[in-house]
Amino acid sequence: MAKKHEIDIKIDDDGNVTFQVKGVKGKECLAITKDFEEALGIVASREKTSEFYQTETQTTTQVEGKG
């Protein structure tokens, strides 16, 4: 099952764009917004939420066939 995450994008009256990534732990949020940032221009500031500092979780499952 794919992970669910959300990106809130706000554009103010001066054309400044703000992204807020929700549902993503660790540095993955930077990869998610990278293309948006590159397309829009220079990043003026970045504020990391508490989710950024949480550990990314990965699960690996190995199934052996009967035989």
PDB file of N, CA and C in Angstrom:
ATOM      1  N   MET A   1       0.838  -1.174   0.000  1.00  0.00           N
ATOM      2  CA  MET A   1       0.000   0.000   0.000  1.00  0.00           C
ATOM      3  C   MET A   1       0.887   1.241   0.000  1.00  0.00           C
ATOM      4  N   ALA A   2       0.561   2.198  -0.837  1.00  0.00           N
ATOM      5  CA  ALA A   2       1.347   3.419  -0.943  1.00  0.00           C
ATOM      6  C   ALA A   2       1.132   4.306   0.280  1.00  0.00           C
ATOM      7  N   LYS A   3       2.183   5.049   0.604  1.00  0.00           N
ATOM      8  CA  LYS A   3       2.078   5.991   1.707  1.00  0.00           C
ATOM      9  C   LYS A   3       1.198   7.160   1.294  1.00  0.00           C
ATOM     10  N   LYS A   4       0.454   7.687   2.257  1.00  0.00           N
ATOM     11  CA  LYS A   4      -0.369   8.854   1.993  1.00  0.00           C
ATOM     12  C   LYS A   4       0.329  10.074   2.570  1.00  0.00           C
ATOM     13  N   HIS A   5       0.480  11.074   1.734  1.00  0.00           N
ATOM     14  CA  HIS A   5       0.985  12.349   2.222  1.00  0.00           C
ATOM     15  C   HIS A   5       0.256  13.466   1.494  1.00  0.00           C
ATOM     16  N   GLU A   6       0.299  14.636   2.089  1.00  0.00           N
ATOM     17  CA  GLU A   6      -0.387  15.795   1.537  1.00  0.00           C
ATOM     18  C   GLU A   6       0.601  16.945   1.424  1.00  0.00           C
ATOM     19  N   ILE A   7       0.384  17.776   0.405  1.00  0.00           N
ATOM     20  CA  ILE A   7       1.155  18.998   0.264  1.00  0.00           C
ATOM     21  C   ILE A   7       0.160  20.148   0.179  1.00  0.00           C
ATOM     22  N   ASP A   8       0.213  21.036   1.165  1.00  0.00           N
ATOM     23  CA  ASP A   8      -0.599  22.256   1.131  1.00  0.00           C
ATOM     24  C   ASP A   8       0.238  23.331   0.448  1.00  0.00           C
ATOM     25  N   ILE A   9      -0.294  23.925  -0.603  1.00  0.00           N
ATOM     26  CA  ILE A   9       0.410  24.972  -1.333  1.00  0.00           C
ATOM     27  C   ILE A   9      -0.399  26.253  -1.226  1.00  0.00           C
ATOM     28  N   LYS A  10       0.267  27.297  -0.757  1.00  0.00           N
ATOM     29  CA  LYS A  10      -0.390  28.599  -0.621  1.00  0.00           C
ATOM     30  C   LYS A  10       0.402  29.636  -1.414  1.00  0.00           C
ATOM     31  N   ILE A  11      -0.321  30.499  -2.115  1.00  0.00           N
ATOM     32  CA  ILE A  11       0.289  31.590  -2.870  1.00  0.00           C
ATOM     33  C   ILE A  11      -0.314  32.891  -2.353  1.00  0.00           C
ATOM     34  N   ASP A  12       0.545  33.782  -1.847  1.00  0.00           N
ATOM     35  CA  ASP A  12       0.021  35.030  -1.305  1.00  0.00           C
ATOM     36  C   ASP A  12      -0.171  36.078  -2.409  1.00  0.00           C
ATOM     37  N   ASP A  13      -0.648  37.252  -2.041  1.00  0.00           N
ATOM     38  CA  ASP A  13      -0.942  38.317  -3.007  1.00  0.00           C
ATOM     39  C   ASP A  13       0.299  38.810  -3.750  1.00  0.00           C
ATOM     40  N   ASP A  14       1.472  38.632  -3.152  1.00  0.00           N
ATOM     41  CA  ASP A  14       2.721  39.047  -3.792  1.00  0.00           C
ATOM     42  C   ASP A  14       3.329  37.949  -4.661  1.00  0.00           C
ATOM     43  N   GLY A  15       2.683  36.788  -4.725  1.00  0.00           N
ATOM     44  CA  GLY A  15       3.180  35.679  -5.532  1.00  0.00           C
ATOM     45  C   GLY A  15       4.139  34.759  -4.810  1.00  0.00           C
ATOM     46  N   ASN A  16       4.318  34.958  -3.513  1.00  0.00           N
ATOM     47  CA  ASN A  16       5.182  34.076  -2.724  1.00  0.00           C
ATOM     48  C   ASN A  16       4.460  32.761  -2.481  1.00  0.00           C
ATOM     49  N   VAL A  17       5.186  31.668  -2.636  1.00  0.00           N
ATOM     50  CA  VAL A  17       4.603  30.336  -2.514  1.00  0.00           C
ATOM     51  C   VAL A  17       5.115  29.677  -1.244  1.00  0.00           C
ATOM     52  N   THR A  18       4.208  29.030  -0.512  1.00  0.00           N
ATOM     53  CA  THR A  18       4.552  28.296   0.700  1.00  0.00           C
ATOM     54  C   THR A  18       4.038  26.870   0.561  1.00  0.00           C
ATOM     55  N   PHE A  19       4.901  25.897   0.876  1.00  0.00           N
ATOM     56  CA  PHE A  19       4.522  24.485   0.885  1.00  0.00           C
ATOM     57  C   PHE A  19       4.508  23.991   2.319  1.00  0.00           C
ATOM     58  N   GLN A  20       3.559  23.138   2.643  1.00  0.00           N
ATOM     59  CA  GLN A  20       3.587  22.422   3.911  1.00  0.00           C
ATOM     60  C   GLN A  20       3.297  20.963   3.601  1.00  0.00           C
ATOM     61  N   VAL A  21       4.268  20.109   3.916  1.00  0.00           N
ATOM     62  CA  VAL A  21       4.143  18.680   3.658  1.00  0.00           C
ATOM     63  C   VAL A  21       3.632  18.014   4.922  1.00  0.00           C
ATOM     64  N   LYS A  22       2.609  17.167   4.779  1.00  0.00           N
ATOM     65  CA  LYS A  22       2.027  16.466   5.919  1.00  0.00           C
ATOM     66  C   LYS A  22       2.066  14.967   5.667  1.00  0.00           C
ATOM     67  N   GLY A  23       2.302  14.208   6.725  1.00  0.00           N
ATOM     68  CA  GLY A  23       2.273  12.754   6.631  1.00  0.00           C
ATOM     69  C   GLY A  23       3.575  12.128   6.169  1.00  0.00           C
ATOM     70  N   VAL A  24       4.665  12.896   6.231  1.00  0.00           N
ATOM     71  CA  VAL A  24       5.964  12.395   5.797  1.00  0.00           C
ATOM     72  C   VAL A  24       6.959  12.610   6.931  1.00  0.00           C
ATOM     73  N   LYS A  25       7.691  11.568   7.278  1.00  0.00           N
ATOM     74  CA  LYS A  25       8.684  11.681   8.344  1.00  0.00           C
ATOM     75  C   LYS A  25      10.076  11.781   7.739  1.00  0.00           C
ATOM     76  N   GLY A  26      10.931  12.516   8.420  1.00  0.00           N
ATOM     77  CA  GLY A  26      12.323  12.609   8.008  1.00  0.00           C
ATOM     78  C   GLY A  26      12.525  13.493   6.785  1.00  0.00           C
ATOM     79  N   LYS A  27      13.639  13.264   6.110  1.00  0.00           N
ATOM     80  CA  LYS A  27      14.060  14.108   5.001  1.00  0.00           C
ATOM     81  C   LYS A  27      13.299  13.855   3.705  1.00  0.00           C
ATOM     82  N   GLU A  28      12.415  12.891   3.693  1.00  0.00           N
ATOM     83  CA  GLU A  28      11.666  12.579   2.479  1.00  0.00           C
ATOM     84  C   GLU A  28      10.867  13.786   1.982  1.00  0.00           C
ATOM     85  N   CYS A  29      10.440  14.655   2.887  1.00  0.00           N
ATOM     86  CA  CYS A  29       9.661  15.832   2.484  1.00  0.00           C
ATOM     87  C   CYS A  29      10.470  16.732   1.553  1.00  0.00           C
ATOM     88  N   LEU A  30      11.790  16.793   1.740  1.00  0.00           N
ATOM     89  CA  LEU A  30      12.630  17.615   0.871  1.00  0.00           C
ATOM     90  C   LEU A  30      12.639  17.069  -0.555  1.00  0.00           C
ATOM     91  N   ALA A  31      12.665  15.753  -0.682  1.00  0.00           N
ATOM     92  CA  ALA A  31      12.635  15.140  -2.006  1.00  0.00           C
ATOM     93  C   ALA A  31      11.287  15.354  -2.687  1.00  0.00           C
ATOM     94  N   ILE A  32      10.227  15.341  -1.908  1.00  0.00           N
ATOM     95  CA  ILE A  32       8.879  15.514  -2.455  1.00  0.00           C
ATOM     96  C   ILE A  32       8.694  16.916  -3.033  1.00  0.00           C
ATOM     97  N   THR A  33       9.244  17.928  -2.385  1.00  0.00           N
ATOM     98  CA  THR A  33       9.042  19.313  -2.833  1.00  0.00           C
ATOM     99  C   THR A  33      10.153  19.815  -3.748  1.00  0.00           C
ATOM    100  N   LYS A  34      11.187  19.034  -3.962  1.00  0.00           N
ATOM    101  CA  LYS A  34      12.351  19.473  -4.736  1.00  0.00           C
ATOM    102  C   LYS A  34      11.967  20.000  -6.121  1.00  0.00           C
ATOM    103  N   ASP A  35      11.160  19.264  -6.868  1.00  0.00           N
ATOM    104  CA  ASP A  35      10.795  19.688  -8.212  1.00  0.00           C
ATOM    105  C   ASP A  35       9.984  20.987  -8.198  1.00  0.00           C
ATOM    106  N   PHE A  36       9.096  21.123  -7.216  1.00  0.00           N
ATOM    107  CA  PHE A  36       8.329  22.366  -7.082  1.00  0.00           C
ATOM    108  C   PHE A  36       9.272  23.543  -6.839  1.00  0.00           C
ATOM    109  N   GLU A  37      10.206  23.358  -5.922  1.00  0.00           N
ATOM    110  CA  GLU A  37      11.140  24.423  -5.564  1.00  0.00           C
ATOM    111  C   GLU A  37      11.981  24.840  -6.762  1.00  0.00           C
ATOM    112  N   GLU A  38      12.494  23.856  -7.503  1.00  0.00           N
ATOM    113  CA  GLU A  38      13.332  24.161  -8.662  1.00  0.00           C
ATOM    114  C   GLU A  38      12.542  24.887  -9.746  1.00  0.00           C
ATOM    115  N   ALA A  39      11.282  24.528  -9.919  1.00  0.00           N
ATOM    116  CA  ALA A  39      10.459  25.151 -10.949  1.00  0.00           C
ATOM    117  C   ALA A  39      10.073  26.585 -10.590  1.00  0.00           C
ATOM    118  N   LEU A  40       9.937  26.862  -9.294  1.00  0.00           N
ATOM    119  CA  LEU A  40       9.435  28.167  -8.869  1.00  0.00           C
ATOM    120  C   LEU A  40      10.511  29.207  -8.587  1.00  0.00           C
ATOM    121  N   GLY A  41      11.726  28.772  -8.307  1.00  0.00           N
ATOM    122  CA  GLY A  41      12.784  29.753  -8.066  1.00  0.00           C
ATOM    123  C   GLY A  41      13.560  29.504  -6.800  1.00  0.00           C
ATOM    124  N   ILE A  42      14.011  30.570  -6.203  1.00  0.00           N
ATOM    125  CA  ILE A  42      14.897  30.511  -5.039  1.00  0.00           C
ATOM    126  C   ILE A  42      14.095  30.291  -3.763  1.00  0.00           C
ATOM    127  N   VAL A  43      14.574  29.371  -2.930  1.00  0.00           N
ATOM    128  CA  VAL A  43      13.944  29.127  -1.628  1.00  0.00           C
ATOM    129  C   VAL A  43      14.408  30.222  -0.682  1.00  0.00           C
ATOM    130  N   ALA A  44      13.469  31.027  -0.205  1.00  0.00           N
ATOM    131  CA  ALA A  44      13.797  32.145   0.680  1.00  0.00           C
ATOM    132  C   ALA A  44      14.015  31.670   2.111  1.00  0.00           C
ATOM    133  N   SER A  45      13.246  30.675   2.541  1.00  0.00           N
ATOM    134  CA  SER A  45      13.402  30.138   3.891  1.00  0.00           C
ATOM    135  C   SER A  45      12.785  28.753   3.946  1.00  0.00           C
ATOM    136  N   ARG A  46      13.166  28.008   4.969  1.00  0.00           N
ATOM    137  CA  ARG A  46      12.629  26.663   5.165  1.00  0.00           C
ATOM    138  C   ARG A  46      12.424  26.468   6.656  1.00  0.00           C
ATOM    139  N   GLU A  47      11.240  26.068   7.053  1.00  0.00           N
ATOM    140  CA  GLU A  47      10.921  25.797   8.454  1.00  0.00           C
ATOM    141  C   GLU A  47      10.565  24.323   8.565  1.00  0.00           C
ATOM    142  N   LYS A  48      11.306  23.610   9.369  1.00  0.00           N
ATOM    143  CA  LYS A  48      11.077  22.172   9.527  1.00  0.00           C
ATOM    144  C   LYS A  48      10.094  21.920  10.661  1.00  0.00           C
ATOM    145  N   THR A  49       9.142  21.021  10.421  1.00  0.00           N
ATOM    146  CA  THR A  49       8.176  20.659  11.455  1.00  0.00           C
ATOM    147  C   THR A  49       8.740  19.526  12.298  1.00  0.00           C
ATOM    148  N   SER A  50       8.029  19.136  13.325  1.00  0.00           N
ATOM    149  CA  SER A  50       8.483  18.048  14.189  1.00  0.00           C
ATOM    150  C   SER A  50       8.566  16.731  13.418  1.00  0.00           C
ATOM    151  N   GLU A  51       7.746  16.561  12.373  1.00  0.00           N
ATOM    152  CA  GLU A  51       7.804  15.336  11.572  1.00  0.00           C
ATOM    153  C   GLU A  51       9.158  15.163  10.893  1.00  0.00           C
ATOM    154  N   PHE A  52       9.814  16.269  10.553  1.00  0.00           N
ATOM    155  CA  PHE A  52      11.122  16.206   9.903  1.00  0.00           C
ATOM    156  C   PHE A  52      12.135  15.483  10.795  1.00  0.00           C
ATOM    157  N   TYR A  53      12.012  15.671  12.096  1.00  0.00           N
ATOM    158  CA  TYR A  53      12.974  15.108  13.039  1.00  0.00           C
ATOM    159  C   TYR A  53      12.613  13.701  13.509  1.00  0.00           C
ATOM    160  N   GLN A  54      11.478  13.178  13.050  1.00  0.00           N
ATOM    161  CA  GLN A  54      11.090  11.824  13.406  1.00  0.00           C
ATOM    162  C   GLN A  54      11.818  10.835  12.497  1.00  0.00           C
ATOM    163  N   THR A  55      12.004   9.651  12.992  1.00  0.00           N
ATOM    164  CA  THR A  55      12.704   8.620  12.247  1.00  0.00           C
ATOM    165  C   THR A  55      11.832   8.096  11.120  1.00  0.00           C
ATOM    166  N   GLU A  56      12.456   7.991   9.953  1.00  0.00           N
ATOM    167  CA  GLU A  56      11.757   7.381   8.834  1.00  0.00           C
ATOM    168  C   GLU A  56      11.649   5.887   9.115  1.00  0.00           C
ATOM    169  N   THR A  57      10.507   5.319   8.842  1.00  0.00           N
ATOM    170  CA  THR A  57      10.334   3.898   9.095  1.00  0.00           C
ATOM    171  C   THR A  57      10.264   3.141   7.778  1.00  0.00           C
ATOM    172  N   GLN A  58      10.931   2.011   7.752  1.00  0.00           N
ATOM    173  CA  GLN A  58      10.896   1.139   6.602  1.00  0.00           C
ATOM    174  C   GLN A  58      10.647  -0.266   7.104  1.00  0.00           C
ATOM    175  N   THR A  59       9.844  -1.000   6.373  1.00  0.00           N
ATOM    176  CA  THR A  59       9.545  -2.361   6.748  1.00  0.00           C
ATOM    177  C   THR A  59       9.927  -3.285   5.612  1.00  0.00           C
ATOM    178  N   THR A  60      10.643  -4.308   5.930  1.00  0.00           N
ATOM    179  CA  THR A  60      11.011  -5.317   4.948  1.00  0.00           C
ATOM    180  C   THR A  60      10.410  -6.636   5.377  1.00  0.00           C
ATOM    181  N   THR A  61       9.735  -7.297   4.469  1.00  0.00           N
ATOM    182  CA  THR A  61       9.127  -8.584   4.767  1.00  0.00           C
ATOM    183  C   THR A  61       9.662  -9.612   3.796  1.00  0.00           C
ATOM    184  N   GLN A  62      10.103 -10.719   4.319  1.00  0.00           N
ATOM    185  CA  GLN A  62      10.596 -11.814   3.474  1.00  0.00           C
ATOM    186  C   GLN A  62       9.680 -13.011   3.692  1.00  0.00           C
ATOM    187  N   VAL A  63       9.196 -13.557   2.617  1.00  0.00           N
ATOM    188  CA  VAL A  63       8.307 -14.698   2.685  1.00  0.00           C
ATOM    189  C   VAL A  63       8.982 -15.865   1.972  1.00  0.00           C
ATOM    190  N   GLU A  64       9.074 -16.981   2.659  1.00  0.00           N
ATOM    191  CA  GLU A  64       9.645 -18.168   2.060  1.00  0.00           C
ATOM    192  C   GLU A  64       8.533 -19.099   1.655  1.00  0.00           C
ATOM    193  N   GLY A  65       8.639 -19.617   0.454  1.00  0.00           N
ATOM    194  CA  GLY A  65       7.610 -20.527  -0.040  1.00  0.00           C
ATOM    195  C   GLY A  65       7.729 -21.895   0.605  1.00  0.00           C
ATOM    196  N   LYS A  66       6.626 -22.593   0.619  1.00  0.00           N
ATOM    197  CA  LYS A  66       6.621 -23.958   1.151  1.00  0.00           C
ATOM    198  C   LYS A  66       7.271 -24.849   0.114  1.00  0.00           C
ATOM    199  N   GLY A  67       8.087 -25.739   0.560  1.00  0.00           N
ATOM    200  CA  GLY A  67       8.665 -26.565  -0.456  1.00  0.00           C
ATOM    201  C   GLY A  67       9.497 -27.596   0.047  1.00  0.00           C
TER     202      GLY A  67
END
